PDB file of N, CA and C in Angstrom:
ATOM      1  N   MET A   1      95.869  85.905  57.028  1.00  0.00           N
ATOM      2  CA  MET A   1      95.254  85.015  56.077  1.00  0.00           C
ATOM      3  C   MET A   1      93.881  84.617  56.607  1.00  0.00           C
ATOM      4  N   ARG A   2      92.923  84.701  55.753  1.00  0.00           N
ATOM      5  CA  ARG A   2      91.576  84.277  56.117  1.00  0.00           C
ATOM      6  C   ARG A   2      91.506  82.750  56.094  1.00  0.00           C
ATOM      7  N   PRO A   3      90.634  82.157  56.912  1.00  0.00           N
ATOM      8  CA  PRO A   3      90.525  80.699  56.937  1.00  0.00           C
ATOM      9  C   PRO A   3      90.236  80.086  55.569  1.00  0.00           C
ATOM     10  N   SER A   4      89.565  80.809  54.703  1.00  0.00           N
ATOM     11  CA  SER A   4      89.229  80.257  53.389  1.00  0.00           C
ATOM     12  C   SER A   4      90.394  80.339  52.401  1.00  0.00           C
ATOM     13  N   ASP A   5      91.482  80.975  52.772  1.00  0.00           N
ATOM     14  CA  ASP A   5      92.592  81.177  51.832  1.00  0.00           C
ATOM     15  C   ASP A   5      93.656  80.080  51.874  1.00  0.00           C
ATOM     16  N   TRP A   6      93.504  79.032  52.667  1.00  0.00           N
ATOM     17  CA  TRP A   6      94.542  78.020  52.790  1.00  0.00           C
ATOM     18  C   TRP A   6      94.569  77.032  51.639  1.00  0.00           C
ATOM     19  N   ARG A   7      93.436  76.769  51.029  1.00  0.00           N
ATOM     20  CA  ARG A   7      93.372  75.713  50.012  1.00  0.00           C
ATOM     21  C   ARG A   7      94.331  75.939  48.835  1.00  0.00           C
ATOM     22  N   PRO A   8      94.493  77.140  48.303  1.00  0.00           N
ATOM     23  CA  PRO A   8      95.438  77.323  47.195  1.00  0.00           C
ATOM     24  C   PRO A   8      96.887  76.989  47.571  1.00  0.00           C
ATOM     25  N   LEU A   9      97.202  76.961  48.860  1.00  0.00           N
ATOM     26  CA  LEU A   9      98.564  76.670  49.293  1.00  0.00           C
ATOM     27  C   LEU A   9      98.832  75.176  49.428  1.00  0.00           C
ATOM     28  N   MET A  10      97.805  74.338  49.359  1.00  0.00           N
ATOM     29  CA  MET A  10      97.984  72.911  49.596  1.00  0.00           C
ATOM     30  C   MET A  10      98.878  72.236  48.561  1.00  0.00           C
ATOM     31  N   CYS A  11      98.779  72.604  47.307  1.00  0.00           N
ATOM     32  CA  CYS A  11      99.594  71.966  46.272  1.00  0.00           C
ATOM     33  C   CYS A  11     101.079  72.179  46.577  1.00  0.00           C
ATOM     34  N   MET A  12     101.460  73.423  46.866  1.00  0.00           N
ATOM     35  CA  MET A  12     102.859  73.700  47.173  1.00  0.00           C
ATOM     36  C   MET A  12     103.270  73.024  48.478  1.00  0.00           C
ATOM     37  N   THR A  13     102.390  72.994  49.460  1.00  0.00           N
ATOM     38  CA  THR A  13     102.696  72.346  50.732  1.00  0.00           C
ATOM     39  C   THR A  13     102.990  70.867  50.523  1.00  0.00           C
ATOM     40  N   ARG A  14     102.190  70.211  49.712  1.00  0.00           N
ATOM     41  CA  ARG A  14     102.418  68.794  49.425  1.00  0.00           C
ATOM     42  C   ARG A  14     103.713  68.587  48.647  1.00  0.00           C
ATOM     43  N   GLU A  15     104.019  69.469  47.699  1.00  0.00           N
ATOM     44  CA  GLU A  15     105.261  69.351  46.942  1.00  0.00           C
ATOM     45  C   GLU A  15     106.469  69.456  47.866  1.00  0.00           C
ATOM     46  N   VAL A  16     106.435  70.400  48.787  1.00  0.00           N
ATOM     47  CA  VAL A  16     107.534  70.571  49.742  1.00  0.00           C
ATOM     48  C   VAL A  16     107.611  69.351  50.650  1.00  0.00           C
ATOM     49  N   ALA A  17     106.468  68.849  51.106  1.00  0.00           N
ATOM     50  CA  ALA A  17     106.456  67.672  51.973  1.00  0.00           C
ATOM     51  C   ALA A  17     107.062  66.463  51.268  1.00  0.00           C
ATOM     52  N   VAL A  18     106.710  66.255  50.007  1.00  0.00           N
ATOM     53  CA  VAL A  18     107.269  65.130  49.251  1.00  0.00           C
ATOM     54  C   VAL A  18     108.774  65.291  49.095  1.00  0.00           C
ATOM     55  N   ALA A  19     109.223  66.494  48.755  1.00  0.00           N
ATOM     56  CA  ALA A  19     110.662  66.725  48.591  1.00  0.00           C
ATOM     57  C   ALA A  19     111.409  66.481  49.900  1.00  0.00           C
ATOM     58  N   LEU A  20     110.852  66.945  51.014  1.00  0.00           N
ATOM     59  CA  LEU A  20     111.502  66.734  52.316  1.00  0.00           C
ATOM     60  C   LEU A  20     111.439  65.270  52.739  1.00  0.00           C
ATOM     61  N   ALA A  21     110.384  64.549  52.350  1.00  0.00           N
ATOM     62  CA  ALA A  21     110.301  63.115  52.637  1.00  0.00           C
ATOM     63  C   ALA A  21     111.362  62.363  51.843  1.00  0.00           C
ATOM     64  N   ARG A  22     111.574  62.740  50.601  1.00  0.00           N
ATOM     65  CA  ARG A  22     112.623  62.099  49.785  1.00  0.00           C
ATOM     66  C   ARG A  22     114.010  62.336  50.374  1.00  0.00           C
ATOM     67  N   GLN A  23     114.189  63.482  51.035  1.00  0.00           N
ATOM     68  CA  GLN A  23     115.475  63.803  51.660  1.00  0.00           C
ATOM     69  C   GLN A  23     115.626  63.132  53.024  1.00  0.00           C
ATOM     70  N   GLY A  24     114.554  62.509  53.520  1.00  0.00           N
ATOM     71  CA  GLY A  24     114.611  61.838  54.809  1.00  0.00           C
ATOM     72  C   GLY A  24     114.358  62.745  55.996  1.00  0.00           C
ATOM     73  N   VAL A  25     113.865  63.955  55.751  1.00  0.00           N
ATOM     74  CA  VAL A  25     113.600  64.904  56.832  1.00  0.00           C
ATOM     75  C   VAL A  25     112.216  64.678  57.431  1.00  0.00           C
ATOM     76  N   LEU A  26     111.233  64.369  56.600  1.00  0.00           N
ATOM     77  CA  LEU A  26     109.848  64.156  57.023  1.00  0.00           C
ATOM     78  C   LEU A  26     109.380  62.759  56.664  1.00  0.00           C
ATOM     79  N   GLU A  27     108.345  62.314  57.374  1.00  0.00           N
ATOM     80  CA  GLU A  27     107.600  61.119  56.983  1.00  0.00           C
ATOM     81  C   GLU A  27     106.188  61.566  56.648  1.00  0.00           C
ATOM     82  N   VAL A  28     105.643  61.005  55.588  1.00  0.00           N
ATOM     83  CA  VAL A  28     104.257  61.255  55.210  1.00  0.00           C
ATOM     84  C   VAL A  28     103.438  60.105  55.784  1.00  0.00           C
ATOM     85  N   LEU A  29     102.386  60.442  56.536  1.00  0.00           N
ATOM     86  CA  LEU A  29     101.575  59.430  57.214  1.00  0.00           C
ATOM     87  C   LEU A  29     100.128  59.494  56.769  1.00  0.00           C
ATOM     88  N   GLN A  30      99.505  58.321  56.716  1.00  0.00           N
ATOM     89  CA  GLN A  30      98.061  58.207  56.564  1.00  0.00           C
ATOM     90  C   GLN A  30      97.592  57.168  57.567  1.00  0.00           C
ATOM     91  N   LYS A  31      96.586  57.510  58.336  1.00  0.00           N
ATOM     92  CA  LYS A  31      96.073  56.639  59.402  1.00  0.00           C
ATOM     93  C   LYS A  31      97.197  56.206  60.339  1.00  0.00           C
ATOM     94  N   GLY A  32      98.142  57.110  60.574  1.00  0.00           N
ATOM     95  CA  GLY A  32      99.227  56.858  61.502  1.00  0.00           C
ATOM     96  C   GLY A  32     100.359  56.001  60.964  1.00  0.00           C
ATOM     97  N   GLN A  33     100.272  55.576  59.704  1.00  0.00           N
ATOM     98  CA  GLN A  33     101.286  54.703  59.115  1.00  0.00           C
ATOM     99  C   GLN A  33     102.036  55.439  58.005  1.00  0.00           C
ATOM    100  N   PRO A  34     103.362  55.244  57.907  1.00  0.00           N
ATOM    101  CA  PRO A  34     104.119  55.866  56.813  1.00  0.00           C
ATOM    102  C   PRO A  34     103.626  55.366  55.458  1.00  0.00           C
ATOM    103  N   VAL A  35     103.570  56.275  54.498  1.00  0.00           N
ATOM    104  CA  VAL A  35     103.174  55.925  53.129  1.00  0.00           C
ATOM    105  C   VAL A  35     104.257  56.409  52.174  1.00  0.00           C
ATOM    106  N   ASP A  36     104.235  55.857  50.973  1.00  0.00           N
ATOM    107  CA  ASP A  36     105.191  56.249  49.934  1.00  0.00           C
ATOM    108  C   ASP A  36     104.905  57.694  49.535  1.00  0.00           C
ATOM    109  N   PRO A  37     105.888  58.595  49.662  1.00  0.00           N
ATOM    110  CA  PRO A  37     105.628  59.997  49.339  1.00  0.00           C
ATOM    111  C   PRO A  37     105.335  60.248  47.860  1.00  0.00           C
ATOM    112  N   ASP A  38     105.606  59.258  47.018  1.00  0.00           N
ATOM    113  CA  ASP A  38     105.362  59.439  45.590  1.00  0.00           C
ATOM    114  C   ASP A  38     104.017  58.895  45.125  1.00  0.00           C
ATOM    115  N   SER A  39     103.248  58.275  46.027  1.00  0.00           N
ATOM    116  CA  SER A  39     102.005  57.668  45.550  1.00  0.00           C
ATOM    117  C   SER A  39     100.803  57.847  46.477  1.00  0.00           C
ATOM    118  N   PHE A  40     100.868  58.728  47.463  1.00  0.00           N
ATOM    119  CA  PHE A  40      99.732  58.881  48.372  1.00  0.00           C
ATOM    120  C   PHE A  40      98.631  59.707  47.734  1.00  0.00           C
ATOM    121  N   LYS A  41      97.406  59.492  48.237  1.00  0.00           N
ATOM    122  CA  LYS A  41      96.237  60.280  47.845  1.00  0.00           C
ATOM    123  C   LYS A  41      95.463  60.566  49.109  1.00  0.00           C
ATOM    124  N   GLY A  42      94.792  61.691  49.147  1.00  0.00           N
ATOM    125  CA  GLY A  42      93.940  62.009  50.276  1.00  0.00           C
ATOM    126  C   GLY A  42      94.663  62.720  51.403  1.00  0.00           C
ATOM    127  N   PRO A  43      94.010  62.798  52.565  1.00  0.00           N
ATOM    128  CA  PRO A  43      94.568  63.538  53.699  1.00  0.00           C
ATOM    129  C   PRO A  43      95.851  62.888  54.225  1.00  0.00           C
ATOM    130  N   ILE A  44      96.777  63.724  54.636  1.00  0.00           N
ATOM    131  CA  ILE A  44      98.050  63.234  55.166  1.00  0.00           C
ATOM    132  C   ILE A  44      98.401  63.977  56.451  1.00  0.00           C
ATOM    133  N   ARG A  45      99.309  63.407  57.189  1.00  0.00           N
ATOM    134  CA  ARG A  45      99.948  64.074  58.319  1.00  0.00           C
ATOM    135  C   ARG A  45     101.439  63.973  58.081  1.00  0.00           C
ATOM    136  N   LEU A  46     102.169  64.896  58.669  1.00  0.00           N
ATOM    137  CA  LEU A  46     103.613  64.919  58.509  1.00  0.00           C
ATOM    138  C   LEU A  46     104.271  64.836  59.868  1.00  0.00           C
ATOM    139  N   ARG A  47     105.420  64.167  59.929  1.00  0.00           N
ATOM    140  CA  ARG A  47     106.207  64.183  61.155  1.00  0.00           C
ATOM    141  C   ARG A  47     107.678  64.149  60.774  1.00  0.00           C
ATOM    142  N   LEU A  48     108.478  64.730  61.652  1.00  0.00           N
ATOM    143  CA  LEU A  48     109.911  64.704  61.453  1.00  0.00           C
ATOM    144  C   LEU A  48     110.413  63.281  61.638  1.00  0.00           C
ATOM    145  N   THR A  49     111.427  62.920  60.883  1.00  0.00           N
ATOM    146  CA  THR A  49     112.046  61.620  61.080  1.00  0.00           C
ATOM    147  C   THR A  49     112.950  61.691  62.295  1.00  0.00           C
ATOM    148  N   ALA A  50     113.480  60.563  62.705  1.00  0.00           N
ATOM    149  CA  ALA A  50     114.388  60.524  63.851  1.00  0.00           C
ATOM    150  C   ALA A  50     115.618  61.385  63.582  1.00  0.00           C
ATOM    151  N   ALA A  51     116.045  61.443  62.327  1.00  0.00           N
ATOM    152  CA  ALA A  51     117.204  62.257  61.967  1.00  0.00           C
ATOM    153  C   ALA A  51     116.887  63.740  62.096  1.00  0.00           C
ATOM    154  N   GLY A  52     115.624  64.107  61.898  1.00  0.00           N
ATOM    155  CA  GLY A  52     115.225  65.504  62.016  1.00  0.00           C
ATOM    156  C   GLY A  52     115.735  66.350  60.869  1.00  0.00           C
ATOM    157  N   PRO A  53     115.491  67.650  60.940  1.00  0.00           N
ATOM    158  CA  PRO A  53     115.845  68.542  59.847  1.00  0.00           C
ATOM    159  C   PRO A  53     117.306  68.972  59.828  1.00  0.00           C
ATOM    160  N   GLY A  54     118.096  68.641  60.834  1.00  0.00           N
ATOM    161  CA  GLY A  54     119.519  68.985  60.811  1.00  0.00           C
ATOM    162  C   GLY A  54     119.826  70.254  61.571  1.00  0.00           C
ATOM    163  N   PRO A  55     121.097  70.685  61.528  1.00  0.00           N
ATOM    164  CA  PRO A  55     121.536  71.864  62.281  1.00  0.00           C
ATOM    165  C   PRO A  55     120.765  73.123  61.889  1.00  0.00           C
ATOM    166  N   GLY A  56     120.510  73.954  62.870  1.00  0.00           N
ATOM    167  CA  GLY A  56     119.842  75.225  62.603  1.00  0.00           C
ATOM    168  C   GLY A  56     118.330  75.140  62.577  1.00  0.00           C
ATOM    169  N   ALA A  57     117.769  73.955  62.781  1.00  0.00           N
ATOM    170  CA  ALA A  57     116.316  73.814  62.696  1.00  0.00           C
ATOM    171  C   ALA A  57     115.612  74.639  63.767  1.00  0.00           C
ATOM    172  N   GLY A  58     116.175  74.706  64.961  1.00  0.00           N
ATOM    173  CA  GLY A  58     115.543  75.472  66.023  1.00  0.00           C
ATOM    174  C   GLY A  58     115.429  76.933  65.672  1.00  0.00           C
ATOM    175  N   ALA A  59     116.466  77.485  65.068  1.00  0.00           N
ATOM    176  CA  ALA A  59     116.435  78.889  64.677  1.00  0.00           C
ATOM    177  C   ALA A  59     115.388  79.122  63.596  1.00  0.00           C
ATOM    178  N   ARG A  60     115.267  78.176  62.650  1.00  0.00           N
ATOM    179  CA  ARG A  60     114.258  78.336  61.597  1.00  0.00           C
ATOM    180  C   ARG A  60     112.864  78.258  62.194  1.00  0.00           C
ATOM    181  N   ALA A  61     112.653  77.352  63.127  1.00  0.00           N
ATOM    182  CA  ALA A  61     111.325  77.214  63.741  1.00  0.00           C
ATOM    183  C   ALA A  61     110.964  78.472  64.511  1.00  0.00           C
ATOM    184  N   ARG A  62     111.949  79.055  65.226  1.00  0.00           N
ATOM    185  CA  ARG A  62     111.667  80.285  65.971  1.00  0.00           C
ATOM    186  C   ARG A  62     111.430  81.463  65.039  1.00  0.00           C
ATOM    187  N   ALA A  63     111.911  81.382  63.809  1.00  0.00           N
ATOM    188  CA  ALA A  63     111.736  82.477  62.861  1.00  0.00           C
ATOM    189  C   ALA A  63     110.290  82.601  62.420  1.00  0.00           C
ATOM    190  N   GLY A  64     109.486  81.572  62.649  1.00  0.00           N
ATOM    191  CA  GLY A  64     108.065  81.622  62.325  1.00  0.00           C
ATOM    192  C   GLY A  64     107.798  81.602  60.841  1.00  0.00           C
ATOM    193  N   ALA A  65     107.290  82.697  60.299  1.00  0.00           N
ATOM    194  CA  ALA A  65     106.857  82.745  58.911  1.00  0.00           C
ATOM    195  C   ALA A  65     107.987  82.456  57.943  1.00  0.00           C
ATOM    196  N   GLY A  66     109.230  82.725  58.298  1.00  0.00           N
ATOM    197  CA  GLY A  66     110.343  82.473  57.390  1.00  0.00           C
ATOM    198  C   GLY A  66     110.674  81.010  57.235  1.00  0.00           C
ATOM    199  N   ALA A  67     110.149  80.150  58.096  1.00  0.00           N
ATOM    200  CA  ALA A  67     110.507  78.736  58.058  1.00  0.00           C
ATOM    201  C   ALA A  67     109.955  78.042  56.815  1.00  0.00           C
ATOM    202  N   ALA A  68     108.724  78.327  56.443  1.00  0.00           N
ATOM    203  CA  ALA A  68     108.143  77.638  55.300  1.00  0.00           C
ATOM    204  C   ALA A  68     108.842  77.990  53.995  1.00  0.00           C
ATOM    205  N   PRO A  69     109.099  79.255  53.682  1.00  0.00           N
ATOM    206  CA  PRO A  69     109.812  79.539  52.441  1.00  0.00           C
ATOM    207  C   PRO A  69     111.211  78.939  52.432  1.00  0.00           C
ATOM    208  N   ALA A  70     111.889  78.901  53.580  1.00  0.00           N
ATOM    209  CA  ALA A  70     113.220  78.303  53.632  1.00  0.00           C
ATOM    210  C   ALA A  70     113.134  76.821  53.302  1.00  0.00           C
ATOM    211  N   ALA A  71     112.102  76.144  53.805  1.00  0.00           N
ATOM    212  CA  ALA A  71     111.924  74.725  53.503  1.00  0.00           C
ATOM    213  C   ALA A  71     111.653  74.531  52.019  1.00  0.00           C
ATOM    214  N   ALA A  72     110.864  75.417  51.435  1.00  0.00           N
ATOM    215  CA  ALA A  72     110.571  75.302  50.008  1.00  0.00           C
ATOM    216  C   ALA A  72     111.828  75.498  49.177  1.00  0.00           C
ATOM    217  N   VAL A  73     112.643  76.463  49.548  1.00  0.00           N
ATOM    218  CA  VAL A  73     113.889  76.709  48.819  1.00  0.00           C
ATOM    219  C   VAL A  73     114.810  75.511  48.964  1.00  0.00           C
ATOM    220  N   ALA A  74     114.939  74.988  50.187  1.00  0.00           N
ATOM    221  CA  ALA A  74     115.808  73.839  50.424  1.00  0.00           C
ATOM    222  C   ALA A  74     115.332  72.615  49.654  1.00  0.00           C
ATOM    223  N   ALA A  75     114.020  72.497  49.473  1.00  0.00           N
ATOM    224  CA  ALA A  75     113.468  71.350  48.769  1.00  0.00           C
ATOM    225  C   ALA A  75     113.463  71.554  47.256  1.00  0.00           C
ATOM    226  N   GLY A  76     113.847  72.735  46.797  1.00  0.00           N
ATOM    227  CA  GLY A  76     113.892  73.002  45.368  1.00  0.00           C
ATOM    228  C   GLY A  76     112.540  73.299  44.757  1.00  0.00           C
ATOM    229  N   VAL A  77     111.574  73.702  45.576  1.00  0.00           N
ATOM    230  CA  VAL A  77     110.239  74.013  45.076  1.00  0.00           C
ATOM    231  C   VAL A  77     110.177  75.499  44.756  1.00  0.00           C
ATOM    232  N   PRO A  78     109.756  75.857  43.541  1.00  0.00           N
ATOM    233  CA  PRO A  78     109.691  77.279  43.194  1.00  0.00           C
ATOM    234  C   PRO A  78     108.639  78.013  44.017  1.00  0.00           C
ATOM    235  N   ALA A  79     108.874  79.287  44.217  1.00  0.00           N
ATOM    236  CA  ALA A  79     107.920  80.123  44.959  1.00  0.00           C
ATOM    237  C   ALA A  79     106.651  80.300  44.140  1.00  0.00           C
ATOM    238  N   PRO A  80     105.487  80.395  44.802  1.00  0.00           N
ATOM    239  CA  PRO A  80     104.235  80.583  44.064  1.00  0.00           C
ATOM    240  C   PRO A  80     104.159  81.980  43.465  1.00  0.00           C
ATOM    241  N   ALA A  81     103.383  82.078  42.412  1.00  0.00           N
ATOM    242  CA  ALA A  81     103.155  83.383  41.800  1.00  0.00           C
ATOM    243  C   ALA A  81     102.275  84.214  42.720  1.00  0.00           C
ATOM    244  N   PRO A  82     102.418  85.537  42.709  1.00  0.00           N
ATOM    245  CA  PRO A  82     101.556  86.376  43.551  1.00  0.00           C
ATOM    246  C   PRO A  82     100.093  86.193  43.189  1.00  0.00           C
ATOM    247  N   ALA A  83      99.240  86.348  44.165  1.00  0.00           N
ATOM    248  CA  ALA A  83      97.805  86.214  43.944  1.00  0.00           C
ATOM    249  C   ALA A  83      97.316  87.315  43.008  1.00  0.00           C
ATOM    250  N   ALA A  84      96.300  86.997  42.242  1.00  0.00           N
ATOM    251  CA  ALA A  84      95.726  87.991  41.334  1.00  0.00           C
ATOM    252  C   ALA A  84      95.205  89.171  42.125  1.00  0.00           C
ATOM    253  N   GLY A  85      95.493  90.361  41.683  1.00  0.00           N
ATOM    254  CA  GLY A  85      95.008  91.555  42.358  1.00  0.00           C
ATOM    255  C   GLY A  85      95.923  92.036  43.461  1.00  0.00           C
ATOM    256  N   GLY A  86      97.047  91.359  43.659  1.00  0.00           N
ATOM    257  CA  GLY A  86      98.001  91.790  44.678  1.00  0.00           C
ATOM    258  C   GLY A  86      97.576  91.379  46.066  1.00  0.00           C
ATOM    259  N   ALA A  87      98.407  91.687  47.018  1.00  0.00           N
ATOM    260  CA  ALA A  87      98.138  91.321  48.412  1.00  0.00           C
ATOM    261  C   ALA A  87      96.987  92.161  48.955  1.00  0.00           C
ATOM    262  N   GLN A  88      96.155  91.528  49.741  1.00  0.00           N
ATOM    263  CA  GLN A  88      95.051  92.239  50.356  1.00  0.00           C
ATOM    264  C   GLN A  88      95.394  92.500  51.804  1.00  0.00           C
ATOM    265  N   ARG A  89      95.043  93.675  52.279  1.00  0.00           N
ATOM    266  CA  ARG A  89      95.285  94.027  53.669  1.00  0.00           C
ATOM    267  C   ARG A  89      93.979  94.051  54.422  1.00  0.00           C
ATOM    268  N   HIS A  90      94.047  93.685  55.659  1.00  0.00           N
ATOM    269  CA  HIS A  90      92.868  93.731  56.515  1.00  0.00           C
ATOM    270  C   HIS A  90      92.552  95.201  56.786  1.00  0.00           C
ATOM    271  N   PRO A  91      91.282  95.635  56.699  1.00  0.00           N
ATOM    272  CA  PRO A  91      90.949  97.039  56.908  1.00  0.00           C
ATOM    273  C   PRO A  91      91.452  97.602  58.228  1.00  0.00           C
ATOM    274  N   ALA A  92      91.424  96.825  59.291  1.00  0.00           N
ATOM    275  CA  ALA A  92      91.873  97.321  60.592  1.00  0.00           C
ATOM    276  C   ALA A  92      93.370  97.585  60.572  1.00  0.00           C
ATOM    277  N   ALA A  93      94.134  96.777  59.824  1.00  0.00           N
ATOM    278  CA  ALA A  93      95.585  96.968  59.754  1.00  0.00           C
ATOM    279  C   ALA A  93      95.919  98.269  59.026  1.00  0.00           C
ATOM    280  N   ALA A  94      95.059  98.687  58.156  1.00  0.00           N
ATOM    281  CA  ALA A  94      95.300  99.917  57.404  1.00  0.00           C
ATOM    282  C   ALA A  94      94.703 101.134  58.092  1.00  0.00           C
ATOM    283  N   GLY A  95      94.132 100.938  59.274  1.00  0.00           N
ATOM    284  CA  GLY A  95      93.534 102.051  59.999  1.00  0.00           C
ATOM    285  C   GLY A  95      92.178 102.447  59.457  1.00  0.00           C
ATOM    286  N   GLU A  96      91.557 101.543  58.680  1.00  0.00           N
ATOM    287  CA  GLU A  96      90.271 101.877  58.066  1.00  0.00           C
ATOM    288  C   GLU A  96      89.101 101.358  58.891  1.00  0.00           C
ATOM    289  N   GLY A  97      89.386 100.551  59.921  1.00  0.00           N
ATOM    290  CA  GLY A  97      88.289  99.999  60.716  1.00  0.00           C
ATOM    291  C   GLY A  97      87.724 101.047  61.653  1.00  0.00           C
ATOM    292  N   GLY A  98      86.456 100.951  61.909  1.00  0.00           N
ATOM    293  CA  GLY A  98      85.798 101.886  62.832  1.00  0.00           C
ATOM    294  C   GLY A  98      86.070 101.519  64.262  1.00  0.00           C
ATOM    295  N   SER A  99      85.852 102.454  65.179  1.00  0.00           N
ATOM    296  CA  SER A  99      86.031 102.147  66.596  1.00  0.00           C
ATOM    297  C   SER A  99      84.784 101.458  67.115  1.00  0.00           C
ATOM    298  N   ARG A 100      84.947 100.673  68.157  1.00  0.00           N
ATOM    299  CA  ARG A 100      83.818  99.912  68.699  1.00  0.00           C
ATOM    300  C   ARG A 100      83.223 100.602  69.878  1.00  0.00           C
TER     301      ARG A 100
END
């Protein structure tokens, strides 16, 4: 993912964060203080609650990329539609990059 490609993911990230906050798994913070997950605006930080995410969390965290979709499914957030034009591959990954 290119650094400029993160912004379209923010809406879904916030939806998942709110759903997990309602379940008591996460806290939504602003300026280091917990805020109501249903009424915040602006930049936020997230932290696990004392209860944490429950059994199996370590395995999900070690799974890396699979952890976020699992959280979205658990929170009941639908998967995003594919990007227009399909997935883009980095030229070097496809063997199209030149040698240095």
